């Protein structure tokens, strides 16, 4: 396991920021670590990156104990905090060379050039960081997190302040990086989670309330599907109930219906045959998905 957390608690006074939290993240997984403000997300990430110690419990990154082997943990982790700390008086290229030096890298110049290309900082590389827009400063933060080629990336709100074009580029970069590295990211953008994450861990008031694959979170665990279909004319609801694999039928409006399937049943071929046999055409058909935002609200009320 790239990340292993065992019964971690963090207490401030009498308040539990984290309360007996446990989870694991495998190599090559992109995991969304979600929760409302104050839920404990940033606290967990700071513990995993050795910025603060836990009150109790254990955590391991790449097999290294965050308490006993913090230097080894830091060498193998790339971290972008929520509030991106940068030296605003330094130039972009100068700053990345400085970070590479801290990691005692041998091929600093080549790696800096690569990171500038990868994060799209080329036209801004000769500017002072303080003169950059928020979006470009975020790119500098990502470049410093990636520069030493870490095995684990921990990103706290990595796309804050990016415009739509930059969002697409950075998401693509995270997806690409996630094929060979472990990525744990926190975000409030649910669409981002749907696009990027294989798995979602939701934390609320310091406790994990769910840990599931993104697909299971949206579709549920019982393997039933809801198919929304619109015909070019009104269909016979009773006849539709006779389609193989259909468990129930609900008329929505006009010529549209919602069909609940039996577990692990693909009713599309039989649905098309039903339409043809009854002299109808299917104008639209889609699988209904529960929006991640709705799931998030339900679990963190």
C-alpha atoms as a PDB file:
ATOM      1  CA  UNK A   1       0.000   0.000   0.000  1.00  0.00           C
ATOM      2  CA  UNK A   2       1.293   3.481  -0.858  1.00  0.00           C
ATOM      3  CA  UNK A   3      -0.713   5.063   1.974  1.00  0.00           C
ATOM      4  CA  UNK A   4      -1.885   3.235   5.076  1.00  0.00           C
ATOM      5  CA  UNK A   5      -3.706   5.013   7.895  1.00  0.00           C
ATOM      6  CA  UNK A   6      -4.506   3.135  11.100  1.00  0.00           C
ATOM      7  CA  UNK A   7      -6.842   4.613  13.727  1.00  0.00           C
ATOM      8  CA  UNK A   8      -5.508   8.174  13.402  1.00  0.00           C
ATOM      9  CA  UNK A   9      -6.921  10.808  15.757  1.00  0.00           C
ATOM     10  CA  UNK A  10      -5.967  14.459  16.073  1.00  0.00           C
ATOM     11  CA  UNK A  11      -7.263  16.409  19.034  1.00  0.00           C
ATOM     12  CA  UNK A  12      -7.090  20.163  19.605  1.00  0.00           C
ATOM     13  CA  UNK A  13      -8.069  20.801  23.214  1.00  0.00           C
ATOM     14  CA  UNK A  14     -11.321  18.866  23.486  1.00  0.00           C
ATOM     15  CA  UNK A  15     -12.167  18.969  19.780  1.00  0.00           C
ATOM     16  CA  UNK A  16     -11.473  15.979  17.519  1.00  0.00           C
ATOM     17  CA  UNK A  17     -10.269  17.170  14.095  1.00  0.00           C
ATOM     18  CA  UNK A  18      -9.840  13.473  13.214  1.00  0.00           C
ATOM     19  CA  UNK A  19     -11.531  10.675  15.141  1.00  0.00           C
ATOM     20  CA  UNK A  20     -10.153   7.133  14.749  1.00  0.00           C
ATOM     21  CA  UNK A  21      -9.681   7.344  10.955  1.00  0.00           C
ATOM     22  CA  UNK A  22      -8.424   4.325   8.949  1.00  0.00           C
ATOM     23  CA  UNK A  23      -8.024   3.774   5.193  1.00  0.00           C
ATOM     24  CA  UNK A  24      -5.584   2.515   2.568  1.00  0.00           C
ATOM     25  CA  UNK A  25      -4.622   3.785  -0.900  1.00  0.00           C
ATOM     26  CA  UNK A  26      -2.972   1.492  -3.453  1.00  0.00           C
ATOM     27  CA  UNK A  27      -0.265   2.409  -5.935  1.00  0.00           C
ATOM     28  CA  UNK A  28      -1.761   3.808  -9.151  1.00  0.00           C
ATOM     29  CA  UNK A  29      -5.033   4.919  -7.518  1.00  0.00           C
ATOM     30  CA  UNK A  30      -6.411   8.445  -7.728  1.00  0.00           C
ATOM     31  CA  UNK A  31      -8.471   8.918  -4.579  1.00  0.00           C
ATOM     32  CA  UNK A  32     -10.713  11.882  -3.870  1.00  0.00           C
ATOM     33  CA  UNK A  33     -10.626  12.867  -0.182  1.00  0.00           C
ATOM     34  CA  UNK A  34     -13.782  14.917   0.297  1.00  0.00           C
ATOM     35  CA  UNK A  35     -15.658  16.628   3.070  1.00  0.00           C
ATOM     36  CA  UNK A  36     -17.208  19.957   4.081  1.00  0.00           C
ATOM     37  CA  UNK A  37     -15.036  22.759   5.451  1.00  0.00           C
ATOM     38  CA  UNK A  38     -13.636  21.814   8.851  1.00  0.00           C
ATOM     39  CA  UNK A  39     -14.195  18.079   8.323  1.00  0.00           C
ATOM     40  CA  UNK A  40     -10.512  17.188   8.821  1.00  0.00           C
ATOM     41  CA  UNK A  41      -9.254  16.851   5.218  1.00  0.00           C
ATOM     42  CA  UNK A  42      -6.326  19.247   5.444  1.00  0.00           C
ATOM     43  CA  UNK A  43      -5.414  17.917   8.897  1.00  0.00           C
ATOM     44  CA  UNK A  44      -5.139  14.384   7.468  1.00  0.00           C
ATOM     45  CA  UNK A  45      -3.007  15.588   4.581  1.00  0.00           C
ATOM     46  CA  UNK A  46      -0.696  17.512   6.926  1.00  0.00           C
ATOM     47  CA  UNK A  47      -0.205  14.355   9.008  1.00  0.00           C
ATOM     48  CA  UNK A  48       0.601  12.278   5.906  1.00  0.00           C
ATOM     49  CA  UNK A  49       3.169  14.856   4.787  1.00  0.00           C
ATOM     50  CA  UNK A  50       4.745  15.123   8.278  1.00  0.00           C
ATOM     51  CA  UNK A  51       3.762  18.757   8.859  1.00  0.00           C
ATOM     52  CA  UNK A  52       1.913  17.904  12.075  1.00  0.00           C
ATOM     53  CA  UNK A  53       1.905  14.757  14.256  1.00  0.00           C
ATOM     54  CA  UNK A  54      -1.215  12.742  15.062  1.00  0.00           C
ATOM     55  CA  UNK A  55      -2.467  12.588  18.635  1.00  0.00           C
ATOM     56  CA  UNK A  56      -2.808   8.815  18.325  1.00  0.00           C
ATOM     57  CA  UNK A  57      -2.721   6.089  15.691  1.00  0.00           C
ATOM     58  CA  UNK A  58      -0.232   5.328  12.927  1.00  0.00           C
ATOM     59  CA  UNK A  59       0.230   6.326   9.293  1.00  0.00           C
ATOM     60  CA  UNK A  60       2.588   4.977   6.641  1.00  0.00           C
ATOM     61  CA  UNK A  61       3.551   6.418   3.255  1.00  0.00           C
ATOM     62  CA  UNK A  62       5.463   4.102   0.904  1.00  0.00           C
ATOM     63  CA  UNK A  63       6.035   1.866   3.915  1.00  0.00           C
ATOM     64  CA  UNK A  64       7.626   4.650   5.971  1.00  0.00           C
ATOM     65  CA  UNK A  65       6.204   5.622   9.349  1.00  0.00           C
ATOM     66  CA  UNK A  66       5.276   9.341   9.355  1.00  0.00           C
ATOM     67  CA  UNK A  67       6.446   9.656  12.954  1.00  0.00           C
ATOM     68  CA  UNK A  68       9.604   7.521  12.919  1.00  0.00           C
ATOM     69  CA  UNK A  69      10.793   8.027   9.314  1.00  0.00           C
ATOM     70  CA  UNK A  70       9.549  11.505   8.426  1.00  0.00           C
ATOM     71  CA  UNK A  71      12.553  12.364   6.209  1.00  0.00           C
ATOM     72  CA  UNK A  72      11.966   9.269   4.044  1.00  0.00           C
ATOM     73  CA  UNK A  73       8.266  10.147   3.802  1.00  0.00           C
ATOM     74  CA  UNK A  74       9.030  13.705   2.644  1.00  0.00           C
ATOM     75  CA  UNK A  75      11.448  12.438  -0.011  1.00  0.00           C
ATOM     76  CA  UNK A  76       8.772  10.212  -1.545  1.00  0.00           C
ATOM     77  CA  UNK A  77       5.837  12.678  -1.384  1.00  0.00           C
ATOM     78  CA  UNK A  78       4.913  15.637  -3.557  1.00  0.00           C
ATOM     79  CA  UNK A  79       2.637  18.016  -1.643  1.00  0.00           C
ATOM     80  CA  UNK A  80       0.547  20.967  -2.780  1.00  0.00           C
ATOM     81  CA  UNK A  81      -1.081  22.556   0.304  1.00  0.00           C
ATOM     82  CA  UNK A  82      -4.425  24.370   0.194  1.00  0.00           C
ATOM     83  CA  UNK A  83      -2.709  27.727   0.701  1.00  0.00           C
ATOM     84  CA  UNK A  84       0.085  27.458  -1.846  1.00  0.00           C
ATOM     85  CA  UNK A  85       3.232  28.796  -0.070  1.00  0.00           C
ATOM     86  CA  UNK A  86       5.615  30.355  -2.610  1.00  0.00           C
ATOM     87  CA  UNK A  87       8.513  32.813  -2.488  1.00  0.00           C
ATOM     88  CA  UNK A  88       6.922  35.721  -4.355  1.00  0.00           C
ATOM     89  CA  UNK A  89      10.216  37.586  -4.865  1.00  0.00           C
ATOM     90  CA  UNK A  90      11.802  34.662  -6.715  1.00  0.00           C
ATOM     91  CA  UNK A  91      11.504  34.052 -10.461  1.00  0.00           C
ATOM     92  CA  UNK A  92       9.633  30.930 -11.566  1.00  0.00           C
ATOM     93  CA  UNK A  93      12.667  29.169 -12.995  1.00  0.00           C
ATOM     94  CA  UNK A  94      14.847  30.258 -10.079  1.00  0.00           C
ATOM     95  CA  UNK A  95      12.307  28.930  -7.559  1.00  0.00           C
ATOM     96  CA  UNK A  96      12.034  25.513  -9.235  1.00  0.00           C
ATOM     97  CA  UNK A  97      15.844  25.248  -9.374  1.00  0.00           C
ATOM     98  CA  UNK A  98      15.900  26.089  -5.659  1.00  0.00           C
ATOM     99  CA  UNK A  99      13.348  23.334  -4.882  1.00  0.00           C
ATOM    100  CA  UNK A 100      15.329  20.869  -7.009  1.00  0.00           C
ATOM    101  CA  UNK A 101      18.426  21.788  -5.008  1.00  0.00           C
ATOM    102  CA  UNK A 102      16.623  21.086  -1.730  1.00  0.00           C
ATOM    103  CA  UNK A 103      15.921  17.586  -3.046  1.00  0.00           C
ATOM    104  CA  UNK A 104      19.615  17.258  -4.039  1.00  0.00           C
ATOM    105  CA  UNK A 105      18.690  16.443  -7.632  1.00  0.00           C
ATOM    106  CA  UNK A 106      21.500  15.871 -10.110  1.00  0.00           C
ATOM    107  CA  UNK A 107      19.724  16.816 -13.345  1.00  0.00           C
ATOM    108  CA  UNK A 108      18.086  19.997 -12.029  1.00  0.00           C
ATOM    109  CA  UNK A 109      18.158  22.092 -15.242  1.00  0.00           C
ATOM    110  CA  UNK A 110      16.667  19.344 -17.407  1.00  0.00           C
ATOM    111  CA  UNK A 111      13.988  18.543 -14.827  1.00  0.00           C
ATOM    112  CA  UNK A 112      13.062  22.223 -14.357  1.00  0.00           C
ATOM    113  CA  UNK A 113      12.649  22.583 -18.123  1.00  0.00           C
ATOM    114  CA  UNK A 114      10.477  19.449 -18.200  1.00  0.00           C
ATOM    115  CA  UNK A 115       8.254  20.699 -15.363  1.00  0.00           C
ATOM    116  CA  UNK A 116       7.878  24.118 -16.997  1.00  0.00           C
ATOM    117  CA  UNK A 117       6.732  22.392 -20.205  1.00  0.00           C
ATOM    118  CA  UNK A 118       4.437  19.934 -18.426  1.00  0.00           C
ATOM    119  CA  UNK A 119       2.672  22.585 -16.336  1.00  0.00           C
ATOM    120  CA  UNK A 120       2.483  25.176 -19.145  1.00  0.00           C
ATOM    121  CA  UNK A 121       4.693  27.769 -17.448  1.00  0.00           C
ATOM    122  CA  UNK A 122       6.848  28.479 -20.498  1.00  0.00           C
ATOM    123  CA  UNK A 123       5.675  32.018 -21.209  1.00  0.00           C
ATOM    124  CA  UNK A 124       5.796  32.943 -17.503  1.00  0.00           C
ATOM    125  CA  UNK A 125       9.082  31.304 -16.479  1.00  0.00           C
ATOM    126  CA  UNK A 126      11.084  34.561 -16.432  1.00  0.00           C
ATOM    127  CA  UNK A 127       8.571  36.430 -14.254  1.00  0.00           C
ATOM    128  CA  UNK A 128       8.627  36.888 -10.512  1.00  0.00           C
ATOM    129  CA  UNK A 129       6.108  34.565  -8.822  1.00  0.00           C
ATOM    130  CA  UNK A 130       4.442  37.555  -7.156  1.00  0.00           C
ATOM    131  CA  UNK A 131       3.615  38.975 -10.615  1.00  0.00           C
ATOM    132  CA  UNK A 132       1.760  35.833 -11.727  1.00  0.00           C
ATOM    133  CA  UNK A 133      -2.001  35.328 -11.754  1.00  0.00           C
ATOM    134  CA  UNK A 134      -3.473  32.950  -9.164  1.00  0.00           C
ATOM    135  CA  UNK A 135      -3.845  30.232 -11.806  1.00  0.00           C
ATOM    136  CA  UNK A 136      -0.186  30.399 -12.808  1.00  0.00           C
ATOM    137  CA  UNK A 137       0.933  30.442  -9.165  1.00  0.00           C
ATOM    138  CA  UNK A 138      -1.054  27.234  -8.733  1.00  0.00           C
ATOM    139  CA  UNK A 139       0.865  25.746 -11.664  1.00  0.00           C
ATOM    140  CA  UNK A 140       4.143  26.690  -9.968  1.00  0.00           C
ATOM    141  CA  UNK A 141       2.897  24.862  -6.859  1.00  0.00           C
ATOM    142  CA  UNK A 142       2.134  21.761  -8.922  1.00  0.00           C
ATOM    143  CA  UNK A 143       5.541  21.957 -10.621  1.00  0.00           C
ATOM    144  CA  UNK A 144       7.342  22.036  -7.242  1.00  0.00           C
ATOM    145  CA  UNK A 145       5.257  19.069  -6.031  1.00  0.00           C
ATOM    146  CA  UNK A 146       6.247  17.034  -9.103  1.00  0.00           C
ATOM    147  CA  UNK A 147       9.830  18.124  -9.650  1.00  0.00           C
ATOM    148  CA  UNK A 148      11.531  15.354  -7.626  1.00  0.00           C
ATOM    149  CA  UNK A 149       9.375  12.658  -9.300  1.00  0.00           C
ATOM    150  CA  UNK A 150       7.658  11.509  -6.083  1.00  0.00           C
ATOM    151  CA  UNK A 151       5.861   8.179  -5.787  1.00  0.00           C
ATOM    152  CA  UNK A 152       2.920   9.767  -3.932  1.00  0.00           C
ATOM    153  CA  UNK A 153       1.172  13.057  -4.730  1.00  0.00           C
ATOM    154  CA  UNK A 154      -0.996  14.753  -2.090  1.00  0.00           C
ATOM    155  CA  UNK A 155      -2.920  17.688  -3.530  1.00  0.00           C
ATOM    156  CA  UNK A 156      -5.133  19.944  -1.427  1.00  0.00           C
ATOM    157  CA  UNK A 157      -7.487  21.926  -3.722  1.00  0.00           C
ATOM    158  CA  UNK A 158      -5.082  21.648  -6.728  1.00  0.00           C
ATOM    159  CA  UNK A 159      -7.274  23.490  -9.254  1.00  0.00           C
ATOM    160  CA  UNK A 160      -8.213  26.532  -7.164  1.00  0.00           C
ATOM    161  CA  UNK A 161      -8.198  29.718  -9.257  1.00  0.00           C
ATOM    162  CA  UNK A 162      -7.732  28.059 -12.653  1.00  0.00           C
ATOM    163  CA  UNK A 163      -9.715  29.130 -15.723  1.00  0.00           C
ATOM    164  CA  UNK A 164     -11.616  26.463 -17.760  1.00  0.00           C
ATOM    165  CA  UNK A 165      -8.696  25.882 -20.160  1.00  0.00           C
ATOM    166  CA  UNK A 166      -6.200  25.575 -17.316  1.00  0.00           C
ATOM    167  CA  UNK A 167      -8.605  23.271 -15.451  1.00  0.00           C
ATOM    168  CA  UNK A 168      -8.708  20.856 -18.377  1.00  0.00           C
ATOM    169  CA  UNK A 169      -4.915  20.899 -18.740  1.00  0.00           C
ATOM    170  CA  UNK A 170      -4.172  20.347 -15.041  1.00  0.00           C
ATOM    171  CA  UNK A 171      -6.810  17.612 -14.747  1.00  0.00           C
ATOM    172  CA  UNK A 172      -5.238  15.853 -17.732  1.00  0.00           C
ATOM    173  CA  UNK A 173      -1.831  16.183 -16.069  1.00  0.00           C
ATOM    174  CA  UNK A 174      -3.123  14.687 -12.792  1.00  0.00           C
ATOM    175  CA  UNK A 175      -4.765  11.838 -14.712  1.00  0.00           C
ATOM    176  CA  UNK A 176      -1.528  11.146 -16.588  1.00  0.00           C
ATOM    177  CA  UNK A 177       0.546  11.243 -13.391  1.00  0.00           C
ATOM    178  CA  UNK A 178      -1.975   8.953 -11.667  1.00  0.00           C
ATOM    179  CA  UNK A 179      -1.190   6.064 -14.023  1.00  0.00           C
ATOM    180  CA  UNK A 180       2.192   5.517 -12.393  1.00  0.00           C
ATOM    181  CA  UNK A 181       1.838   7.277  -9.019  1.00  0.00           C
ATOM    182  CA  UNK A 182      -0.540   7.337  -6.102  1.00  0.00           C
ATOM    183  CA  UNK A 183      -2.622  10.524  -6.018  1.00  0.00           C
ATOM    184  CA  UNK A 184      -4.737  11.703  -3.100  1.00  0.00           C
ATOM    185  CA  UNK A 185      -6.573  14.926  -3.756  1.00  0.00           C
ATOM    186  CA  UNK A 186      -9.019  17.125  -1.936  1.00  0.00           C
ATOM    187  CA  UNK A 187     -11.483  19.287  -3.840  1.00  0.00           C
ATOM    188  CA  UNK A 188     -14.949  20.840  -3.548  1.00  0.00           C
ATOM    189  CA  UNK A 189     -15.556  20.459  -7.310  1.00  0.00           C
ATOM    190  CA  UNK A 190     -17.637  17.289  -7.642  1.00  0.00           C
ATOM    191  CA  UNK A 191     -17.285  17.228 -11.429  1.00  0.00           C
ATOM    192  CA  UNK A 192     -13.530  17.015 -10.910  1.00  0.00           C
ATOM    193  CA  UNK A 193     -13.950  13.942  -8.718  1.00  0.00           C
ATOM    194  CA  UNK A 194     -16.153  12.254 -11.324  1.00  0.00           C
ATOM    195  CA  UNK A 195     -13.560  12.919 -14.037  1.00  0.00           C
ATOM    196  CA  UNK A 196     -10.395  12.074 -12.096  1.00  0.00           C
ATOM    197  CA  UNK A 197     -10.990   9.736  -9.182  1.00  0.00           C
ATOM    198  CA  UNK A 198     -11.162   5.939  -9.076  1.00  0.00           C
ATOM    199  CA  UNK A 199     -12.340   6.033  -5.493  1.00  0.00           C
ATOM    200  CA  UNK A 200     -13.906   8.490  -3.072  1.00  0.00           C
ATOM    201  CA  UNK A 201     -13.417   8.802   0.675  1.00  0.00           C
ATOM    202  CA  UNK A 202     -15.832  11.233   2.337  1.00  0.00           C
ATOM    203  CA  UNK A 203     -15.062  12.536   5.813  1.00  0.00           C
ATOM    204  CA  UNK A 204     -17.454  14.481   8.049  1.00  0.00           C
ATOM    205  CA  UNK A 205     -16.777  15.855  11.535  1.00  0.00           C
ATOM    206  CA  UNK A 206     -13.506  13.927  11.697  1.00  0.00           C
ATOM    207  CA  UNK A 207     -15.008  10.529  10.808  1.00  0.00           C
ATOM    208  CA  UNK A 208     -15.111   8.645   7.503  1.00  0.00           C
ATOM    209  CA  UNK A 209     -18.723   8.322   6.360  1.00  0.00           C
ATOM    210  CA  UNK A 210     -18.058   6.403   3.140  1.00  0.00           C
ATOM    211  CA  UNK A 211     -15.189   4.813   1.199  1.00  0.00           C
ATOM    212  CA  UNK A 212     -16.313   3.498  -2.203  1.00  0.00           C
ATOM    213  CA  UNK A 213     -15.400   3.487  -5.861  1.00  0.00           C
ATOM    214  CA  UNK A 214     -16.778   6.511  -7.721  1.00  0.00           C
ATOM    215  CA  UNK A 215     -19.046   4.222  -9.755  1.00  0.00           C
ATOM    216  CA  UNK A 216     -20.539   2.484  -6.707  1.00  0.00           C
ATOM    217  CA  UNK A 217     -21.130   5.827  -5.019  1.00  0.00           C
ATOM    218  CA  UNK A 218     -23.128   7.078  -8.012  1.00  0.00           C
ATOM    219  CA  UNK A 219     -24.958   3.895  -8.976  1.00  0.00           C
ATOM    220  CA  UNK A 220     -25.403   2.182  -5.619  1.00  0.00           C
ATOM    221  CA  UNK A 221     -24.304  -1.318  -4.636  1.00  0.00           C
ATOM    222  CA  UNK A 222     -27.326  -3.411  -5.640  1.00  0.00           C
ATOM    223  CA  UNK A 223     -26.337  -3.447  -9.362  1.00  0.00           C
ATOM    224  CA  UNK A 224     -29.754  -2.235 -10.499  1.00  0.00           C
ATOM    225  CA  UNK A 225     -29.912   0.483 -13.153  1.00  0.00           C
ATOM    226  CA  UNK A 226     -32.475   3.148 -13.965  1.00  0.00           C
ATOM    227  CA  UNK A 227     -32.846   3.639 -17.724  1.00  0.00           C
ATOM    228  CA  UNK A 228     -34.527   6.821 -18.940  1.00  0.00           C
ATOM    229  CA  UNK A 229     -36.110   6.376 -22.362  1.00  0.00           C
ATOM    230  CA  UNK A 230     -38.165   8.639 -24.640  1.00  0.00           C
ATOM    231  CA  UNK A 231     -40.224   7.244 -27.543  1.00  0.00           C
ATOM    232  CA  UNK A 232     -41.699   9.141 -30.501  1.00  0.00           C
ATOM    233  CA  UNK A 233     -45.195   8.195 -29.264  1.00  0.00           C
ATOM    234  CA  UNK A 234     -46.791   7.051 -26.032  1.00  0.00           C
ATOM    235  CA  UNK A 235     -45.917   3.459 -25.137  1.00  0.00           C
ATOM    236  CA  UNK A 236     -48.058   0.921 -23.298  1.00  0.00           C
ATOM    237  CA  UNK A 237     -46.758   0.834 -19.720  1.00  0.00           C
ATOM    238  CA  UNK A 238     -48.124  -2.677 -19.052  1.00  0.00           C
ATOM    239  CA  UNK A 239     -46.390  -4.075 -22.142  1.00  0.00           C
ATOM    240  CA  UNK A 240     -43.104  -2.463 -21.095  1.00  0.00           C
ATOM    241  CA  UNK A 241     -43.228  -4.312 -17.785  1.00  0.00           C
ATOM    242  CA  UNK A 242     -43.065  -7.514 -19.809  1.00  0.00           C
ATOM    243  CA  UNK A 243     -39.648  -6.646 -21.300  1.00  0.00           C
ATOM    244  CA  UNK A 244     -37.044  -9.140 -20.109  1.00  0.00           C
ATOM    245  CA  UNK A 245     -34.936  -7.714 -17.283  1.00  0.00           C
ATOM    246  CA  UNK A 246     -37.355  -4.905 -16.378  1.00  0.00           C
ATOM    247  CA  UNK A 247     -38.316  -4.780 -12.713  1.00  0.00           C
ATOM    248  CA  UNK A 248     -40.586  -1.715 -12.740  1.00  0.00           C
ATOM    249  CA  UNK A 249     -41.758   1.101 -15.050  1.00  0.00           C
ATOM    250  CA  UNK A 250     -42.632   4.679 -14.198  1.00  0.00           C
ATOM    251  CA  UNK A 251     -44.186   7.202 -16.561  1.00  0.00           C
ATOM    252  CA  UNK A 252     -42.334  10.510 -16.217  1.00  0.00           C
ATOM    253  CA  UNK A 253     -44.042  12.855 -18.686  1.00  0.00           C
ATOM    254  CA  UNK A 254     -45.080  12.897 -22.321  1.00  0.00           C
ATOM    255  CA  UNK A 255     -43.520   9.859 -24.025  1.00  0.00           C
ATOM    256  CA  UNK A 256     -40.752   9.449 -21.428  1.00  0.00           C
ATOM    257  CA  UNK A 257     -40.401   6.578 -18.956  1.00  0.00           C
ATOM    258  CA  UNK A 258     -37.994   5.430 -16.239  1.00  0.00           C
ATOM    259  CA  UNK A 259     -37.306   1.684 -16.259  1.00  0.00           C
ATOM    260  CA  UNK A 260     -35.661  -0.016 -13.270  1.00  0.00           C
ATOM    261  CA  UNK A 261     -33.702  -3.110 -14.298  1.00  0.00           C
ATOM    262  CA  UNK A 262     -33.107  -6.312 -12.399  1.00  0.00           C
ATOM    263  CA  UNK A 263     -29.537  -6.673 -11.016  1.00  0.00           C
ATOM    264  CA  UNK A 264     -26.841  -7.038 -13.714  1.00  0.00           C
ATOM    265  CA  UNK A 265     -29.365  -6.868 -16.581  1.00  0.00           C
ATOM    266  CA  UNK A 266     -28.717  -4.980 -19.830  1.00  0.00           C
ATOM    267  CA  UNK A 267     -32.181  -4.318 -21.222  1.00  0.00           C
ATOM    268  CA  UNK A 268     -31.135  -2.194 -24.212  1.00  0.00           C
ATOM    269  CA  UNK A 269     -31.404  -4.905 -26.936  1.00  0.00           C
ATOM    270  CA  UNK A 270     -34.858  -5.950 -25.690  1.00  0.00           C
ATOM    271  CA  UNK A 271     -35.936  -2.317 -25.383  1.00  0.00           C
ATOM    272  CA  UNK A 272     -35.016  -1.624 -29.002  1.00  0.00           C
ATOM    273  CA  UNK A 273     -36.876  -4.784 -30.075  1.00  0.00           C
ATOM    274  CA  UNK A 274     -39.926  -3.644 -28.038  1.00  0.00           C
ATOM    275  CA  UNK A 275     -39.927  -0.311 -29.880  1.00  0.00           C
ATOM    276  CA  UNK A 276     -39.665  -1.944 -33.318  1.00  0.00           C
ATOM    277  CA  UNK A 277     -42.378  -4.531 -32.518  1.00  0.00           C
ATOM    278  CA  UNK A 278     -44.711  -1.719 -31.439  1.00  0.00           C
ATOM    279  CA  UNK A 279     -44.007   0.572 -34.392  1.00  0.00           C
ATOM    280  CA  UNK A 280     -42.100   3.171 -32.363  1.00  0.00           C
ATOM    281  CA  UNK A 281     -38.707   4.856 -32.443  1.00  0.00           C
ATOM    282  CA  UNK A 282     -36.488   5.584 -29.451  1.00  0.00           C
ATOM    283  CA  UNK A 283     -35.606   9.284 -29.460  1.00  0.00           C
ATOM    284  CA  UNK A 284     -33.382   9.218 -26.388  1.00  0.00           C
ATOM    285  CA  UNK A 285     -32.067   6.658 -23.939  1.00  0.00           C
ATOM    286  CA  UNK A 286     -29.663   7.145 -21.047  1.00  0.00           C
ATOM    287  CA  UNK A 287     -28.669   5.650 -17.732  1.00  0.00           C
ATOM    288  CA  UNK A 288     -29.706   7.745 -14.748  1.00  0.00           C
ATOM    289  CA  UNK A 289     -26.802   8.533 -12.482  1.00  0.00           C
ATOM    290  CA  UNK A 290     -27.021   9.947  -9.013  1.00  0.00           C
ATOM    291  CA  UNK A 291     -24.991  13.131  -8.966  1.00  0.00           C
ATOM    292  CA  UNK A 292     -21.990  12.991  -6.668  1.00  0.00           C
ATOM    293  CA  UNK A 293     -23.057  16.349  -5.263  1.00  0.00           C
ATOM    294  CA  UNK A 294     -26.351  14.810  -4.083  1.00  0.00           C
ATOM    295  CA  UNK A 295     -24.532  11.873  -2.469  1.00  0.00           C
ATOM    296  CA  UNK A 296     -22.119  14.286  -0.772  1.00  0.00           C
ATOM    297  CA  UNK A 297     -24.990  16.367   0.650  1.00  0.00           C
ATOM    298  CA  UNK A 298     -26.787  13.264   1.957  1.00  0.00           C
ATOM    299  CA  UNK A 299     -23.695  11.971   3.739  1.00  0.00           C
ATOM    300  CA  UNK A 300     -22.556  15.283   5.233  1.00  0.00           C
ATOM    301  CA  UNK A 301     -25.829  16.875   6.372  1.00  0.00           C
END
